[in-house]
N, C-alpha and C. Protein backbone atom coordinates (compact mmCIF):
# COMPACT_ATOMS: atom_id res chain seq x y z
N MET A 1 38.37 85.15 -70.44
CA MET A 1 37.63 85.88 -69.43
C MET A 1 38.30 87.24 -69.27
N SER A 2 37.52 88.30 -69.27
CA SER A 2 38.07 89.64 -69.16
C SER A 2 38.52 89.91 -67.72
N PHE A 3 39.29 90.96 -67.56
CA PHE A 3 39.79 91.35 -66.24
C PHE A 3 38.64 91.63 -65.28
N LEU A 4 37.61 92.35 -65.74
CA LEU A 4 36.47 92.66 -64.88
C LEU A 4 35.68 91.40 -64.51
N SER A 5 35.55 90.49 -65.44
CA SER A 5 34.84 89.24 -65.14
C SER A 5 35.60 88.42 -64.11
N ARG A 6 36.91 88.35 -64.24
CA ARG A 6 37.73 87.63 -63.25
C ARG A 6 37.63 88.29 -61.89
N ARG A 7 37.68 89.61 -61.90
CA ARG A 7 37.61 90.35 -60.65
C ARG A 7 36.24 90.13 -59.97
N ARG A 8 35.19 90.16 -60.75
CA ARG A 8 33.85 89.93 -60.22
C ARG A 8 33.74 88.50 -59.66
N ALA A 9 34.27 87.53 -60.38
CA ALA A 9 34.23 86.13 -59.93
C ALA A 9 35.00 85.98 -58.63
N LEU A 10 36.16 86.61 -58.52
CA LEU A 10 36.94 86.53 -57.27
C LEU A 10 36.20 87.19 -56.12
N ALA A 11 35.55 88.32 -56.38
CA ALA A 11 34.79 89.00 -55.34
C ALA A 11 33.65 88.12 -54.83
N ILE A 12 32.96 87.46 -55.76
CA ILE A 12 31.87 86.57 -55.36
C ILE A 12 32.40 85.40 -54.55
N LEU A 13 33.48 84.79 -54.99
CA LEU A 13 34.07 83.67 -54.26
C LEU A 13 34.55 84.09 -52.88
N ALA A 14 35.14 85.29 -52.78
CA ALA A 14 35.64 85.77 -51.50
C ALA A 14 34.49 86.02 -50.52
N GLY A 15 33.34 86.47 -51.01
CA GLY A 15 32.21 86.76 -50.15
C GLY A 15 31.33 85.58 -49.85
N LEU A 16 31.46 84.50 -50.58
CA LEU A 16 30.60 83.33 -50.42
C LEU A 16 30.61 82.77 -49.00
N PRO A 17 31.76 82.61 -48.35
CA PRO A 17 31.72 82.09 -46.97
C PRO A 17 30.89 82.96 -46.04
N LEU A 18 30.92 84.26 -46.20
CA LEU A 18 30.10 85.13 -45.36
C LEU A 18 28.62 84.96 -45.63
N ILE A 19 28.26 84.81 -46.88
CA ILE A 19 26.86 84.62 -47.25
C ILE A 19 26.33 83.31 -46.68
N VAL A 20 27.13 82.26 -46.75
CA VAL A 20 26.72 80.95 -46.26
C VAL A 20 26.70 80.92 -44.75
N ALA A 21 27.66 81.56 -44.10
CA ALA A 21 27.78 81.51 -42.63
C ALA A 21 26.75 82.36 -41.92
N THR A 22 26.29 83.43 -42.50
CA THR A 22 25.40 84.35 -41.81
C THR A 22 24.12 83.69 -41.31
N PRO A 23 23.36 82.94 -42.11
CA PRO A 23 22.16 82.30 -41.56
C PRO A 23 22.49 81.27 -40.48
N ALA A 24 23.59 80.57 -40.62
CA ALA A 24 23.95 79.56 -39.64
C ALA A 24 24.29 80.18 -38.30
N MET A 25 24.80 81.40 -38.31
CA MET A 25 25.20 82.05 -37.07
C MET A 25 24.04 82.82 -36.43
N ALA A 26 22.95 82.95 -37.12
CA ALA A 26 21.85 83.78 -36.64
C ALA A 26 21.38 83.39 -35.25
N HIS A 27 21.29 82.10 -34.95
CA HIS A 27 20.82 81.68 -33.64
C HIS A 27 21.87 80.93 -32.85
N HIS A 28 23.13 81.06 -33.25
CA HIS A 28 24.20 80.48 -32.45
C HIS A 28 24.70 81.56 -31.51
N GLY A 29 25.29 81.16 -30.41
CA GLY A 29 25.70 82.14 -29.43
C GLY A 29 24.52 82.52 -28.56
N TRP A 30 24.67 83.61 -27.82
CA TRP A 30 23.67 84.02 -26.84
C TRP A 30 23.08 85.39 -27.13
N ALA A 31 23.58 86.08 -28.15
CA ALA A 31 23.17 87.46 -28.41
C ALA A 31 21.66 87.60 -28.66
N TRP A 32 21.02 86.58 -29.13
CA TRP A 32 19.59 86.64 -29.43
C TRP A 32 18.72 86.35 -28.21
N THR A 33 19.37 86.03 -27.07
CA THR A 33 18.62 85.69 -25.86
C THR A 33 18.70 86.81 -24.83
N SER A 34 17.78 86.76 -23.89
CA SER A 34 17.75 87.70 -22.78
C SER A 34 18.54 87.08 -21.63
N THR A 35 19.85 87.30 -21.61
CA THR A 35 20.70 86.64 -20.62
C THR A 35 20.66 87.30 -19.25
N ASP A 36 19.90 88.38 -19.10
CA ASP A 36 19.84 89.04 -17.80
C ASP A 36 18.82 88.39 -16.87
N ALA A 37 17.99 87.50 -17.37
CA ALA A 37 17.00 86.84 -16.53
C ALA A 37 16.87 85.37 -16.91
N TRP A 38 16.72 84.52 -15.90
CA TRP A 38 16.49 83.09 -16.15
C TRP A 38 15.04 82.89 -16.56
N PHE A 39 14.82 81.89 -17.38
CA PHE A 39 13.48 81.55 -17.86
C PHE A 39 13.31 80.05 -17.69
N GLU A 40 12.22 79.64 -17.05
CA GLU A 40 11.93 78.22 -16.84
C GLU A 40 10.65 77.87 -17.57
N LEU A 41 10.69 76.76 -18.28
CA LEU A 41 9.56 76.31 -19.08
C LEU A 41 9.32 74.83 -18.81
N THR A 42 8.07 74.47 -18.55
CA THR A 42 7.69 73.08 -18.33
C THR A 42 6.52 72.75 -19.26
N GLY A 43 6.59 71.57 -19.84
CA GLY A 43 5.50 71.13 -20.71
C GLY A 43 5.76 69.75 -21.26
N ALA A 44 4.95 69.39 -22.24
CA ALA A 44 5.07 68.07 -22.86
C ALA A 44 6.05 68.14 -24.02
N LEU A 45 6.96 67.18 -24.06
CA LEU A 45 7.91 67.08 -25.16
C LEU A 45 7.17 66.65 -26.42
N THR A 46 7.22 67.48 -27.47
CA THR A 46 6.53 67.16 -28.71
C THR A 46 7.48 66.75 -29.84
N ASP A 47 8.75 67.13 -29.71
CA ASP A 47 9.74 66.77 -30.73
C ASP A 47 11.12 66.87 -30.11
N MET A 48 12.04 66.04 -30.61
CA MET A 48 13.41 66.06 -30.13
C MET A 48 14.33 65.75 -31.30
N TYR A 49 15.36 66.58 -31.47
CA TYR A 49 16.36 66.36 -32.52
C TYR A 49 17.72 66.27 -31.85
N ILE A 50 18.36 65.12 -32.00
CA ILE A 50 19.71 64.91 -31.46
C ILE A 50 20.64 64.88 -32.66
N GLY A 51 21.32 65.99 -32.92
CA GLY A 51 22.19 66.08 -34.08
C GLY A 51 22.86 67.44 -34.16
N HIS A 52 23.53 67.65 -35.28
CA HIS A 52 24.26 68.89 -35.51
C HIS A 52 23.33 69.92 -36.14
N PRO A 53 23.49 71.21 -35.98
CA PRO A 53 24.60 71.82 -35.25
C PRO A 53 24.39 71.81 -33.75
N HIS A 54 23.14 71.74 -33.27
CA HIS A 54 22.90 71.60 -31.84
C HIS A 54 21.61 70.83 -31.63
N VAL A 55 21.49 70.30 -30.46
CA VAL A 55 20.31 69.52 -30.09
C VAL A 55 19.15 70.48 -29.85
N THR A 56 17.95 70.09 -30.28
CA THR A 56 16.77 70.90 -30.05
C THR A 56 15.62 70.03 -29.54
N VAL A 57 14.75 70.68 -28.79
CA VAL A 57 13.51 70.02 -28.37
C VAL A 57 12.37 71.01 -28.60
N GLU A 58 11.18 70.49 -28.73
CA GLU A 58 9.99 71.32 -28.78
C GLU A 58 9.10 70.92 -27.62
N ILE A 59 8.58 71.94 -26.94
CA ILE A 59 7.80 71.72 -25.73
C ILE A 59 6.47 72.46 -25.84
N ASP A 60 5.40 71.74 -25.55
CA ASP A 60 4.06 72.31 -25.53
C ASP A 60 3.71 72.65 -24.08
N ASP A 61 3.61 73.94 -23.77
CA ASP A 61 3.31 74.36 -22.40
C ASP A 61 1.81 74.45 -22.15
N GLY A 62 1.01 73.97 -23.10
CA GLY A 62 -0.45 74.03 -22.97
C GLY A 62 -1.06 75.18 -23.74
N GLU A 63 -0.23 76.17 -24.09
CA GLU A 63 -0.69 77.31 -24.88
C GLU A 63 0.11 77.49 -26.16
N THR A 64 1.39 77.14 -26.10
CA THR A 64 2.31 77.41 -27.19
C THR A 64 3.30 76.27 -27.34
N ILE A 65 3.71 76.03 -28.56
CA ILE A 65 4.82 75.10 -28.81
C ILE A 65 6.10 75.93 -28.82
N TRP A 66 7.02 75.62 -27.94
CA TRP A 66 8.28 76.33 -27.80
C TRP A 66 9.39 75.56 -28.49
N HIS A 67 10.23 76.28 -29.20
CA HIS A 67 11.44 75.71 -29.80
C HIS A 67 12.58 76.01 -28.83
N VAL A 68 13.28 74.98 -28.40
CA VAL A 68 14.33 75.13 -27.40
C VAL A 68 15.64 74.58 -27.95
N ASP A 69 16.65 75.45 -28.00
CA ASP A 69 17.99 75.03 -28.40
C ASP A 69 18.74 74.58 -27.17
N LEU A 70 19.41 73.43 -27.28
CA LEU A 70 20.32 73.00 -26.25
C LEU A 70 21.73 73.29 -26.75
N ALA A 71 22.72 72.68 -26.15
CA ALA A 71 24.11 72.89 -26.56
C ALA A 71 24.38 72.14 -27.87
N PRO A 72 25.54 72.39 -28.48
CA PRO A 72 25.93 71.57 -29.62
C PRO A 72 25.93 70.08 -29.23
N LEU A 73 25.95 69.24 -30.22
CA LEU A 73 25.80 67.80 -30.01
C LEU A 73 26.76 67.22 -28.98
N ALA A 74 28.05 67.45 -29.13
CA ALA A 74 29.04 66.81 -28.23
C ALA A 74 28.83 67.19 -26.76
N PRO A 75 28.69 68.48 -26.42
CA PRO A 75 28.46 68.81 -25.01
C PRO A 75 27.13 68.29 -24.47
N THR A 76 26.11 68.26 -25.32
CA THR A 76 24.81 67.75 -24.87
C THR A 76 24.91 66.26 -24.55
N LEU A 77 25.57 65.51 -25.42
CA LEU A 77 25.76 64.08 -25.15
C LEU A 77 26.66 63.87 -23.94
N ALA A 78 27.67 64.70 -23.78
CA ALA A 78 28.57 64.59 -22.62
C ALA A 78 27.81 64.82 -21.31
N ALA A 79 26.77 65.65 -21.38
CA ALA A 79 25.94 65.90 -20.20
C ALA A 79 25.01 64.73 -19.90
N GLY A 80 24.92 63.78 -20.85
CA GLY A 80 24.08 62.61 -20.67
C GLY A 80 22.72 62.70 -21.34
N PHE A 81 22.45 63.83 -21.99
CA PHE A 81 21.15 63.97 -22.65
C PHE A 81 21.24 63.37 -24.04
N ASP A 82 20.47 62.29 -24.24
CA ASP A 82 20.39 61.62 -25.54
C ASP A 82 18.96 61.11 -25.73
N GLU A 83 18.75 60.24 -26.71
CA GLU A 83 17.40 59.75 -27.01
C GLU A 83 16.74 59.03 -25.84
N SER A 84 17.55 58.53 -24.90
CA SER A 84 16.98 57.80 -23.76
C SER A 84 16.59 58.72 -22.60
N ALA A 85 16.87 60.02 -22.71
CA ALA A 85 16.60 60.94 -21.61
C ALA A 85 15.13 61.32 -21.51
N ALA A 86 14.41 61.23 -22.62
CA ALA A 86 12.99 61.59 -22.60
C ALA A 86 12.32 61.01 -23.84
N ALA A 87 11.03 60.84 -23.74
CA ALA A 87 10.23 60.35 -24.87
C ALA A 87 9.15 61.37 -25.20
N ILE A 88 8.70 61.36 -26.43
CA ILE A 88 7.63 62.25 -26.85
C ILE A 88 6.43 62.05 -25.91
N GLY A 89 5.90 63.16 -25.41
CA GLY A 89 4.78 63.11 -24.47
C GLY A 89 5.21 63.27 -23.02
N ASP A 90 6.48 63.00 -22.72
CA ASP A 90 6.97 63.17 -21.34
C ASP A 90 6.94 64.63 -20.93
N THR A 91 6.78 64.86 -19.64
CA THR A 91 6.92 66.21 -19.10
C THR A 91 8.41 66.52 -19.00
N ILE A 92 8.77 67.72 -19.45
CA ILE A 92 10.16 68.13 -19.47
C ILE A 92 10.22 69.59 -19.01
N THR A 93 11.26 69.92 -18.27
CA THR A 93 11.50 71.29 -17.83
C THR A 93 12.84 71.73 -18.36
N VAL A 94 12.88 72.93 -18.89
CA VAL A 94 14.14 73.50 -19.36
C VAL A 94 14.32 74.85 -18.67
N ILE A 95 15.56 75.15 -18.33
CA ILE A 95 15.90 76.43 -17.70
C ILE A 95 17.00 77.06 -18.53
N GLY A 96 16.81 78.32 -18.84
CA GLY A 96 17.81 79.02 -19.65
C GLY A 96 17.38 80.44 -19.89
N HIS A 97 17.49 80.86 -21.14
CA HIS A 97 17.18 82.24 -21.50
C HIS A 97 16.29 82.26 -22.74
N ARG A 98 15.23 83.04 -22.67
CA ARG A 98 14.31 83.12 -23.80
C ARG A 98 14.81 84.14 -24.82
N ALA A 99 14.19 84.11 -25.98
CA ALA A 99 14.52 85.06 -27.04
C ALA A 99 14.24 86.49 -26.58
N LEU A 100 15.07 87.42 -27.05
CA LEU A 100 14.85 88.84 -26.75
C LEU A 100 13.46 89.28 -27.19
N ASP A 101 13.02 88.78 -28.34
CA ASP A 101 11.69 89.08 -28.83
C ASP A 101 10.71 88.17 -28.08
N GLU A 102 9.99 88.72 -27.12
CA GLU A 102 9.11 87.91 -26.29
C GLU A 102 7.91 87.35 -27.04
N ASN A 103 7.71 87.78 -28.28
CA ASN A 103 6.66 87.20 -29.11
C ASN A 103 7.12 85.93 -29.80
N GLU A 104 8.41 85.66 -29.72
CA GLU A 104 8.99 84.47 -30.35
C GLU A 104 9.11 83.36 -29.31
N PRO A 105 8.40 82.25 -29.47
CA PRO A 105 8.48 81.15 -28.49
C PRO A 105 9.75 80.32 -28.70
N HIS A 106 10.87 80.91 -28.36
CA HIS A 106 12.17 80.30 -28.62
C HIS A 106 13.06 80.61 -27.43
N MET A 107 13.82 79.62 -27.00
CA MET A 107 14.75 79.83 -25.90
C MET A 107 15.97 78.94 -26.07
N LYS A 108 16.98 79.24 -25.27
CA LYS A 108 18.19 78.43 -25.23
C LYS A 108 18.34 77.93 -23.80
N ALA A 109 18.41 76.61 -23.65
CA ALA A 109 18.45 76.00 -22.32
C ALA A 109 19.88 75.70 -21.87
N VAL A 110 20.11 75.87 -20.59
CA VAL A 110 21.38 75.46 -19.99
C VAL A 110 21.18 74.18 -19.18
N ARG A 111 19.93 73.95 -18.73
CA ARG A 111 19.61 72.75 -17.94
C ARG A 111 18.31 72.15 -18.47
N VAL A 112 18.30 70.81 -18.53
CA VAL A 112 17.11 70.07 -18.93
C VAL A 112 16.79 69.09 -17.81
N ILE A 113 15.52 69.05 -17.40
CA ILE A 113 15.10 68.14 -16.33
C ILE A 113 14.00 67.24 -16.90
N THR A 114 14.23 65.93 -16.82
CA THR A 114 13.25 64.95 -17.26
C THR A 114 13.02 63.95 -16.14
N GLU A 115 12.15 62.98 -16.38
CA GLU A 115 11.93 61.91 -15.40
C GLU A 115 13.21 61.10 -15.17
N VAL A 116 14.09 61.09 -16.16
CA VAL A 116 15.34 60.31 -16.07
C VAL A 116 16.38 61.02 -15.22
N GLY A 117 16.41 62.36 -15.28
CA GLY A 117 17.42 63.08 -14.51
C GLY A 117 17.54 64.54 -14.92
N THR A 118 18.59 65.16 -14.40
CA THR A 118 18.90 66.56 -14.68
C THR A 118 20.17 66.60 -15.52
N PHE A 119 20.12 67.37 -16.60
CA PHE A 119 21.22 67.42 -17.55
C PHE A 119 21.66 68.88 -17.74
N ASP A 120 22.84 69.19 -17.28
CA ASP A 120 23.39 70.53 -17.47
C ASP A 120 24.18 70.54 -18.77
N VAL A 121 23.53 70.99 -19.84
CA VAL A 121 24.17 70.96 -21.16
C VAL A 121 25.16 72.10 -21.34
N TYR A 122 25.04 73.13 -20.51
CA TYR A 122 26.03 74.21 -20.41
C TYR A 122 26.40 74.28 -18.92
N PRO A 123 27.28 73.39 -18.44
CA PRO A 123 27.53 73.31 -16.99
C PRO A 123 28.05 74.60 -16.37
N GLN A 124 28.90 75.34 -17.06
CA GLN A 124 29.41 76.58 -16.48
C GLN A 124 28.27 77.58 -16.27
N ARG A 125 27.37 77.68 -17.22
CA ARG A 125 26.24 78.60 -17.09
C ARG A 125 25.23 78.06 -16.08
N ALA A 126 25.02 76.75 -16.05
CA ALA A 126 24.06 76.16 -15.09
C ALA A 126 24.53 76.35 -13.66
N ALA A 127 25.84 76.46 -13.44
CA ALA A 127 26.37 76.68 -12.09
C ALA A 127 25.83 77.99 -11.50
N ALA A 128 25.51 78.95 -12.36
CA ALA A 128 24.97 80.23 -11.90
C ALA A 128 23.55 80.11 -11.36
N LEU A 129 22.90 78.97 -11.59
CA LEU A 129 21.55 78.76 -11.06
C LEU A 129 21.59 78.63 -9.54
N GLY A 130 22.75 78.27 -9.01
CA GLY A 130 22.96 78.24 -7.58
C GLY A 130 22.07 77.32 -6.79
N ASP A 131 21.88 76.13 -7.26
CA ASP A 131 21.06 75.20 -6.50
C ASP A 131 21.97 74.31 -5.75
């Protein structure tokens, strides 16, 4: 292998973690949300994923299907939200922050309210709701 080929291979290997991590980080954190205002959404639960990297639900508000990110798996389960917290078709309310792009039906929830109970998946942020 020539010097340039080795150098190119090392450059590709060095950059690979960044290439792989970039899509995964796209919707992690809060930078993609409008954290200056609370957003509350109520509707029918149409889908629920309990797993990594974070728990998600989909909610039909009667006009749009919303994709809602909850906390990562461990904190969401610690809050008590699991498969027994709601069933498909149940009415569910989520409170958090919607996407900066208001045309995107996507939000990140800090609190989930179902018939079973209230689940603060981000308790420190939910404390700011002041109820």
